[in-house]
């Protein structure tokens, strides 16, 4: 299970801009950490930014590869995270239902 990052708690506009910068791959983690501090007064280590960036890339990177705009993804990151959680929950329920069906119908 993913551990919550302090960066997850950033105000939505700052978080969206950070995600867009990460997905655009236009800056190093050190540059992103410096930008957070200089532009928004948010002090975070480059390691924290790197861990957050890895999580963002694993969650949204495939969509960028398919041609979705990093800015659009960044602006809807919260909704996409919620959708991902719902899809995981659905997959779990589908497996559980399948297992129960085997138990029920194998006995008949």
C-alpha atoms as a PDB file:
ATOM      1  CA  UNK A   1       0.000   0.000   0.000  1.00  0.00           C
ATOM      2  CA  UNK A   2       1.299   3.449  -0.910  1.00  0.00           C
ATOM      3  CA  UNK A   3       2.315   5.610   2.014  1.00  0.00           C
ATOM      4  CA  UNK A   4       0.850   9.096   2.062  1.00  0.00           C
ATOM      5  CA  UNK A   5       3.319  11.781   1.054  1.00  0.00           C
ATOM      6  CA  UNK A   6       3.348  15.284   2.500  1.00  0.00           C
ATOM      7  CA  UNK A   7       3.056  16.395  -1.104  1.00  0.00           C
ATOM      8  CA  UNK A   8      -0.361  14.722  -1.313  1.00  0.00           C
ATOM      9  CA  UNK A   9      -1.573  17.414   1.082  1.00  0.00           C
ATOM     10  CA  UNK A  10      -0.559  20.342  -1.119  1.00  0.00           C
ATOM     11  CA  UNK A  11      -3.311  22.783  -2.083  1.00  0.00           C
ATOM     12  CA  UNK A  12      -4.987  21.559  -5.280  1.00  0.00           C
ATOM     13  CA  UNK A  13      -3.669  24.283  -7.629  1.00  0.00           C
ATOM     14  CA  UNK A  14      -0.063  23.752  -6.473  1.00  0.00           C
ATOM     15  CA  UNK A  15      -0.392  19.964  -6.609  1.00  0.00           C
ATOM     16  CA  UNK A  16      -1.877  20.145 -10.125  1.00  0.00           C
ATOM     17  CA  UNK A  17       0.964  22.362 -11.309  1.00  0.00           C
ATOM     18  CA  UNK A  18       3.548  20.047  -9.714  1.00  0.00           C
ATOM     19  CA  UNK A  19       1.990  16.983 -11.360  1.00  0.00           C
ATOM     20  CA  UNK A  20       1.963  18.758 -14.735  1.00  0.00           C
ATOM     21  CA  UNK A  21       5.661  19.596 -14.328  1.00  0.00           C
ATOM     22  CA  UNK A  22       6.449  15.999 -13.356  1.00  0.00           C
ATOM     23  CA  UNK A  23       4.550  14.523 -16.304  1.00  0.00           C
ATOM     24  CA  UNK A  24       6.104  17.014 -18.709  1.00  0.00           C
ATOM     25  CA  UNK A  25       9.540  15.819 -17.474  1.00  0.00           C
ATOM     26  CA  UNK A  26      10.850  19.353 -17.789  1.00  0.00           C
ATOM     27  CA  UNK A  27      12.706  19.651 -14.464  1.00  0.00           C
ATOM     28  CA  UNK A  28      14.854  17.652 -12.058  1.00  0.00           C
ATOM     29  CA  UNK A  29      13.572  16.716  -8.611  1.00  0.00           C
ATOM     30  CA  UNK A  30      15.949  19.270  -7.118  1.00  0.00           C
ATOM     31  CA  UNK A  31      14.559  21.971  -9.421  1.00  0.00           C
ATOM     32  CA  UNK A  32      10.996  20.986  -8.514  1.00  0.00           C
ATOM     33  CA  UNK A  33      11.798  21.139  -4.785  1.00  0.00           C
ATOM     34  CA  UNK A  34      13.372  24.578  -5.289  1.00  0.00           C
ATOM     35  CA  UNK A  35      10.339  25.735  -7.309  1.00  0.00           C
ATOM     36  CA  UNK A  36       7.961  24.584  -4.549  1.00  0.00           C
ATOM     37  CA  UNK A  37       9.902  26.626  -1.998  1.00  0.00           C
ATOM     38  CA  UNK A  38      10.569  29.727  -4.101  1.00  0.00           C
ATOM     39  CA  UNK A  39       7.133  30.009  -5.709  1.00  0.00           C
ATOM     40  CA  UNK A  40       4.922  28.677  -2.928  1.00  0.00           C
ATOM     41  CA  UNK A  41       6.920  28.628   0.317  1.00  0.00           C
ATOM     42  CA  UNK A  42       6.562  24.838   0.518  1.00  0.00           C
ATOM     43  CA  UNK A  43       9.800  23.205   1.712  1.00  0.00           C
ATOM     44  CA  UNK A  44      10.214  19.579   0.576  1.00  0.00           C
ATOM     45  CA  UNK A  45      13.339  17.510  -0.011  1.00  0.00           C
ATOM     46  CA  UNK A  46      14.312  16.378  -3.486  1.00  0.00           C
ATOM     47  CA  UNK A  47      13.901  12.799  -2.202  1.00  0.00           C
ATOM     48  CA  UNK A  48      10.296  13.481  -1.191  1.00  0.00           C
ATOM     49  CA  UNK A  49       9.656  15.092  -4.563  1.00  0.00           C
ATOM     50  CA  UNK A  50      11.289  12.095  -6.261  1.00  0.00           C
ATOM     51  CA  UNK A  51       9.112   9.581  -4.409  1.00  0.00           C
ATOM     52  CA  UNK A  52       6.007  11.628  -5.210  1.00  0.00           C
ATOM     53  CA  UNK A  53       7.086  11.872  -8.867  1.00  0.00           C
ATOM     54  CA  UNK A  54       7.583   8.106  -9.114  1.00  0.00           C
ATOM     55  CA  UNK A  55       4.089   7.533  -7.728  1.00  0.00           C
ATOM     56  CA  UNK A  56       2.614  10.075 -10.165  1.00  0.00           C
ATOM     57  CA  UNK A  57       4.442   8.537 -13.126  1.00  0.00           C
ATOM     58  CA  UNK A  58       3.359   5.020 -12.248  1.00  0.00           C
ATOM     59  CA  UNK A  59      -0.238   6.165 -11.842  1.00  0.00           C
ATOM     60  CA  UNK A  60      -0.535   8.528 -14.816  1.00  0.00           C
ATOM     61  CA  UNK A  61       2.507   7.927 -17.032  1.00  0.00           C
ATOM     62  CA  UNK A  62       0.773   5.401 -19.260  1.00  0.00           C
ATOM     63  CA  UNK A  63      -1.940   7.912 -20.071  1.00  0.00           C
ATOM     64  CA  UNK A  64       0.676  10.460 -21.144  1.00  0.00           C
ATOM     65  CA  UNK A  65       2.233   7.783 -23.365  1.00  0.00           C
ATOM     66  CA  UNK A  66      -1.195   7.329 -24.979  1.00  0.00           C
ATOM     67  CA  UNK A  67      -1.301  11.027 -25.824  1.00  0.00           C
ATOM     68  CA  UNK A  68      -3.214  12.606 -22.949  1.00  0.00           C
ATOM     69  CA  UNK A  69      -2.081  16.075 -22.002  1.00  0.00           C
ATOM     70  CA  UNK A  70      -0.057  16.265 -18.759  1.00  0.00           C
ATOM     71  CA  UNK A  71      -1.963  19.436 -17.874  1.00  0.00           C
ATOM     72  CA  UNK A  72      -5.348  17.735 -18.248  1.00  0.00           C
ATOM     73  CA  UNK A  73      -4.150  14.793 -16.152  1.00  0.00           C
ATOM     74  CA  UNK A  74      -2.773  17.133 -13.505  1.00  0.00           C
ATOM     75  CA  UNK A  75      -6.020  19.084 -13.285  1.00  0.00           C
ATOM     76  CA  UNK A  76      -7.983  15.867 -12.752  1.00  0.00           C
ATOM     77  CA  UNK A  77      -5.435  13.956 -10.638  1.00  0.00           C
ATOM     78  CA  UNK A  78      -7.747  13.681  -7.636  1.00  0.00           C
ATOM     79  CA  UNK A  79     -10.559  12.221  -9.712  1.00  0.00           C
ATOM     80  CA  UNK A  80      -8.187   9.795 -11.419  1.00  0.00           C
ATOM     81  CA  UNK A  81      -6.872   8.595  -8.041  1.00  0.00           C
ATOM     82  CA  UNK A  82     -10.443   8.024  -6.849  1.00  0.00           C
ATOM     83  CA  UNK A  83     -11.281   6.182 -10.079  1.00  0.00           C
ATOM     84  CA  UNK A  84      -8.198   4.004  -9.664  1.00  0.00           C
ATOM     85  CA  UNK A  85      -9.213   3.128  -6.112  1.00  0.00           C
ATOM     86  CA  UNK A  86     -12.716   2.226  -7.283  1.00  0.00           C
ATOM     87  CA  UNK A  87     -11.333   0.023 -10.062  1.00  0.00           C
ATOM     88  CA  UNK A  88      -9.099  -1.828  -7.592  1.00  0.00           C
ATOM     89  CA  UNK A  89     -12.071  -2.285  -5.275  1.00  0.00           C
ATOM     90  CA  UNK A  90     -14.170  -3.595  -8.173  1.00  0.00           C
ATOM     91  CA  UNK A  91     -11.453  -6.054  -9.224  1.00  0.00           C
ATOM     92  CA  UNK A  92     -11.311  -7.372  -5.653  1.00  0.00           C
ATOM     93  CA  UNK A  93     -15.095  -7.779  -5.547  1.00  0.00           C
ATOM     94  CA  UNK A  94     -15.097  -9.531  -8.946  1.00  0.00           C
ATOM     95  CA  UNK A  95     -12.530 -12.057  -7.679  1.00  0.00           C
ATOM     96  CA  UNK A  96     -14.529 -12.599  -4.492  1.00  0.00           C
ATOM     97  CA  UNK A  97     -17.781 -13.147  -6.434  1.00  0.00           C
ATOM     98  CA  UNK A  98     -16.020 -15.586  -8.763  1.00  0.00           C
ATOM     99  CA  UNK A  99     -14.678 -17.561  -5.799  1.00  0.00           C
ATOM    100  CA  UNK A 100     -18.126 -17.671  -4.189  1.00  0.00           C
ATOM    101  CA  UNK A 101     -19.727 -18.818  -7.452  1.00  0.00           C
ATOM    102  CA  UNK A 102     -17.254 -21.701  -7.655  1.00  0.00           C
ATOM    103  CA  UNK A 103     -18.075 -22.748  -4.101  1.00  0.00           C
ATOM    104  CA  UNK A 104     -21.825 -22.512  -4.673  1.00  0.00           C
ATOM    105  CA  UNK A 105     -22.015 -24.137  -8.109  1.00  0.00           C
ATOM    106  CA  UNK A 106     -19.342 -26.796  -7.575  1.00  0.00           C
ATOM    107  CA  UNK A 107     -21.491 -28.218  -4.770  1.00  0.00           C
ATOM    108  CA  UNK A 108     -24.571 -28.532  -7.017  1.00  0.00           C
END
